Amino acid sequence: MNLTARPIAQKEPRIKVKKCANKDCRASFTPDRPFITWCSPECGTVIANAKIAHQNALRAKKERKEYKDAKEKQKSRRDWLREAQQVFNSYIRARDEGKPCISCGSHTGKKNAGHYLSVGSCPELRFEPLNVHLQCEKCNSYLSANLIKYRIELFSRIGKDGVEYLEGPHQPKKYSLEDLKSIKALYKSKLKELEKR
C-alpha cells in the first residue's frame, strides 16, 4: 500500500475584472495583482497625484484649525466683546435692510446699527434687538442718535409695550466670556439665515 501523500492542487486566485479608479478613465481591465486599481501607468500617476493633493488639503485644513484654535486661546474678553458686537451690528443692518434711518427717515448715506439706549448708559441692552435699529451715520455719530425722533419712530416699530420695556428697570449685566461666545455664535447663525433669504 502506497502511503505517500498526494500534493494538493492549489487553485490560482481569480482576479476579477475591475474598473479603473481614475475618474476620467473608468476603463475595464484585469489587474496583474489584486491591489492594483489603475489600468495603465498614466492612470496610476493621476490617482497617486490625486491622493497626494487630498492629503495636502487635509494637512492644510488641520494646520488652519490648529492656528485658529491657538489664536482663539489668545483672545481677551475685550476681543470677544468687540467681535460679538460686530456680528450683532451686522445682523441688525441685515434685518433692517431697505428700511430708512429710524431717526430721520433717510435712505441715503452709510448705515449704522444705532442703539436707542446707549451701550454706556444701559450695557445690559447692548445686544437687545429691540434697542437697536438701522440708523444713518449722521444721526448716529453726529446727532447723538437723534433720540427724540428715534423714540417717536420706535413706538411705531416696536409698540408702546416694547418702548416701556426698554425704558423700564433692568438687571445690571456683566457679560462673561461664555456669554460673548454664545452671543457671537447666535447672531452669526441668525445673520446666515437672513442672508439665505
Protein backbone atom coordinates (compact mmCIF):
# COMPACT_ATOMS: atom_id res chain seq x y z
CA MET A 1 0.00 0.00 0.00
CA ASN A 2 1.46 3.36 -1.08
CA LEU A 3 1.14 5.91 1.75
CA THR A 4 2.89 8.80 0.06
CA ALA A 5 0.68 11.89 0.24
CA ARG A 6 -0.50 13.37 -2.97
CA PRO A 7 0.22 17.07 -3.37
CA ILE A 8 -2.97 19.09 -3.06
CA ALA A 9 -3.55 21.16 -6.15
CA GLN A 10 -3.82 24.82 -5.16
CA LYS A 11 -6.24 26.97 -7.06
CA GLU A 12 -4.94 30.08 -8.70
CA PRO A 13 -6.61 33.13 -7.12
CA ARG A 14 -9.17 34.53 -9.52
CA ILE A 15 -8.55 38.15 -10.32
CA LYS A 16 -11.76 39.93 -11.15
CA VAL A 17 -12.19 42.48 -13.86
CA LYS A 18 -12.12 46.00 -12.35
CA LYS A 19 -12.92 49.50 -13.44
CA CYS A 20 -10.03 51.96 -13.41
CA ALA A 21 -10.14 54.19 -10.32
CA ASN A 22 -9.18 57.22 -12.41
CA LYS A 23 -12.47 59.14 -12.63
CA ASP A 24 -11.63 60.40 -16.11
CA CYS A 25 -10.92 56.88 -17.43
CA ARG A 26 -13.12 54.22 -15.76
CA ALA A 27 -11.97 51.60 -18.32
CA SER A 28 -12.50 47.90 -17.51
CA PHE A 29 -9.26 45.92 -17.04
CA THR A 30 -7.88 42.75 -15.43
CA PRO A 31 -5.12 43.69 -12.96
CA ASP A 32 -1.87 41.69 -12.57
CA ARG A 33 -2.25 41.84 -8.79
CA PRO A 34 -5.41 42.22 -6.65
CA PHE A 35 -4.43 45.59 -5.09
CA ILE A 36 -3.97 47.41 -8.42
CA THR A 37 -6.78 49.88 -9.16
CA TRP A 38 -5.43 51.54 -12.30
CA CYS A 39 -5.45 50.31 -15.88
CA SER A 40 -2.21 51.98 -17.03
CA PRO A 41 0.87 53.76 -15.62
CA GLU A 42 -0.64 57.10 -16.72
CA CYS A 43 -3.83 56.44 -14.74
CA GLY A 44 -1.71 55.24 -11.78
CA THR A 45 0.11 58.60 -11.82
CA VAL A 46 -3.20 60.52 -11.94
CA ILE A 47 -4.55 58.51 -8.95
CA ALA A 48 -1.31 58.96 -6.96
CA ASN A 49 -1.29 62.73 -7.61
CA ALA A 50 -4.95 62.98 -6.55
CA LYS A 51 -4.15 61.14 -3.28
CA ILE A 52 -1.20 63.46 -2.60
CA ALA A 53 -3.35 66.53 -3.29
CA HIS A 54 -6.08 65.19 -0.96
CA GLN A 55 -3.55 64.51 1.83
CA ASN A 56 -2.06 68.01 1.39
CA ALA A 57 -5.54 69.56 1.59
CA LEU A 58 -6.29 67.61 4.80
CA ARG A 59 -2.95 68.67 6.29
CA ALA A 60 -3.57 72.32 5.38
CA LYS A 61 -7.08 72.16 6.89
CA LYS A 62 -5.67 70.68 10.11
CA GLU A 63 -2.98 73.38 10.28
CA ARG A 64 -5.58 76.13 9.73
CA LYS A 65 -7.72 74.69 12.54
CA GLU A 66 -4.74 74.48 14.89
CA TYR A 67 -3.78 78.08 14.05
CA LYS A 68 -7.37 79.25 14.58
CA ASP A 69 -7.61 77.40 17.92
CA ALA A 70 -4.31 78.90 19.09
CA LYS A 71 -5.50 82.36 18.07
CA GLU A 72 -8.84 81.88 19.88
CA LYS A 73 -6.98 80.96 23.10
CA GLN A 74 -5.06 84.25 22.96
CA LYS A 75 -8.19 86.41 22.66
CA SER A 76 -9.06 88.61 25.60
CA ARG A 77 -12.59 89.30 26.88
CA ARG A 78 -12.36 92.69 25.16
CA ASP A 79 -11.64 90.98 21.81
CA TRP A 80 -14.66 88.71 22.25
CA LEU A 81 -16.86 91.70 23.17
CA ARG A 82 -15.75 93.59 20.06
CA GLU A 83 -16.35 90.58 17.80
CA ALA A 84 -19.76 89.84 19.33
CA GLN A 85 -20.73 93.50 18.79
CA GLN A 86 -19.57 93.43 15.16
CA VAL A 87 -21.62 90.32 14.39
CA PHE A 88 -24.67 91.70 16.24
CA ASN A 89 -24.43 95.02 14.34
CA SER A 90 -24.13 93.16 11.02
CA TYR A 91 -27.28 91.22 11.93
CA ILE A 92 -29.19 94.47 12.69
CA ARG A 93 -28.10 96.02 9.37
CA ALA A 94 -29.21 92.88 7.51
CA ARG A 95 -32.50 92.68 9.44
CA ASP A 96 -33.37 96.32 8.68
CA GLU A 97 -32.03 96.36 5.12
CA GLY A 98 -34.22 98.53 2.90
CA LYS A 99 -35.71 100.43 5.85
CA PRO A 100 -34.98 104.15 6.31
CA CYS A 101 -32.97 105.64 9.18
CA ILE A 102 -35.13 105.27 12.31
CA SER A 103 -34.48 108.90 13.33
CA CYS A 104 -34.61 111.00 10.15
CA GLY A 105 -36.15 108.63 7.58
CA SER A 106 -33.20 108.98 5.21
CA HIS A 107 -32.40 106.15 2.78
CA THR A 108 -29.01 107.56 1.79
CA GLY A 109 -25.53 107.50 3.29
CA LYS A 110 -23.69 104.95 5.40
CA LYS A 111 -25.92 102.92 7.69
CA ASN A 112 -25.10 102.04 11.30
CA ALA A 113 -26.69 99.85 13.93
CA GLY A 114 -27.85 102.64 16.27
CA HIS A 115 -28.73 101.98 19.92
CA TYR A 116 -31.73 103.80 21.38
CA LEU A 117 -30.38 103.43 24.92
CA SER A 118 -26.61 103.66 24.60
CA VAL A 119 -24.13 100.94 25.48
CA GLY A 120 -22.63 103.28 28.11
CA SER A 121 -25.91 104.04 29.87
CA CYS A 122 -27.50 100.57 29.52
CA PRO A 123 -24.87 97.89 28.87
CA GLU A 124 -27.49 95.25 29.70
CA LEU A 125 -29.36 96.24 26.48
CA ARG A 126 -26.25 96.20 24.32
CA PHE A 127 -27.36 93.04 22.49
CA GLU A 128 -31.14 93.60 22.72
CA PRO A 129 -32.54 93.69 19.14
CA LEU A 130 -35.50 95.90 20.22
CA ASN A 131 -32.99 98.54 21.34
CA VAL A 132 -31.01 98.65 18.08
CA HIS A 133 -32.18 99.77 14.64
CA LEU A 134 -30.77 100.90 11.32
CA GLN A 135 -29.62 104.50 11.57
CA CYS A 136 -27.73 106.83 9.26
CA GLU A 137 -24.19 107.84 10.14
CA LYS A 138 -25.23 111.48 10.64
CA CYS A 139 -27.92 110.73 13.25
CA ASN A 140 -25.92 108.01 14.99
CA SER A 141 -22.50 109.65 15.14
CA TYR A 142 -23.07 113.40 14.86
CA LEU A 143 -26.52 113.97 16.41
CA SER A 144 -26.04 111.68 19.43
CA ALA A 145 -28.54 109.16 17.97
CA ASN A 146 -31.15 111.93 17.35
CA LEU A 147 -33.05 110.40 20.28
CA ILE A 148 -36.30 112.41 20.23
CA LYS A 149 -37.08 111.40 16.64
CA TYR A 150 -35.71 107.88 17.33
CA ARG A 151 -38.22 107.46 20.21
CA ILE A 152 -41.17 108.66 18.11
CA GLU A 153 -40.44 106.12 15.35
CA LEU A 154 -39.69 103.42 17.93
CA PHE A 155 -43.35 103.45 19.03
CA SER A 156 -44.49 102.57 15.51
CA ARG A 157 -41.84 99.85 15.13
CA ILE A 158 -41.99 98.01 18.46
CA GLY A 159 -45.13 99.45 20.07
CA LYS A 160 -45.77 101.08 23.44
CA ASP A 161 -45.04 97.87 25.37
CA GLY A 162 -41.67 97.49 23.65
CA VAL A 163 -40.64 101.08 24.46
CA GLU A 164 -41.81 100.73 28.08
CA TYR A 165 -39.80 97.52 28.37
CA LEU A 166 -36.66 99.27 27.09
CA GLU A 167 -37.15 102.29 29.37
CA GLY A 168 -38.05 100.18 32.40
CA PRO A 169 -35.63 98.87 35.03
CA HIS A 170 -33.18 96.13 34.05
CA GLN A 171 -30.80 93.93 35.97
CA PRO A 172 -27.17 95.04 35.54
CA LYS A 173 -25.30 92.71 33.21
CA LYS A 174 -21.65 91.74 33.15
CA TYR A 175 -21.02 89.59 30.08
CA SER A 176 -18.83 86.58 30.75
CA LEU A 177 -16.51 85.10 28.14
CA GLU A 178 -19.01 82.27 27.58
CA ASP A 179 -21.87 84.81 27.20
CA LEU A 180 -19.94 86.65 24.50
CA LYS A 181 -19.03 83.46 22.65
CA SER A 182 -22.66 82.31 22.61
CA ILE A 183 -23.94 85.79 21.60
CA LYS A 184 -21.48 85.85 18.70
CA ALA A 185 -22.49 82.32 17.61
CA LEU A 186 -26.23 83.11 17.93
CA TYR A 187 -26.16 86.26 15.79
CA LYS A 188 -23.75 84.71 13.30
CA SER A 189 -26.30 81.95 12.72
CA LYS A 190 -29.22 84.45 12.54
CA LEU A 191 -27.24 86.52 10.04
CA LYS A 192 -26.65 83.44 7.86
CA GLU A 193 -30.38 82.69 7.90
CA LEU A 194 -31.18 86.24 6.78
CA GLU A 195 -28.56 86.10 4.03
CA LYS A 196 -30.05 82.82 2.71
CA ARG A 197 -33.43 84.52 2.32
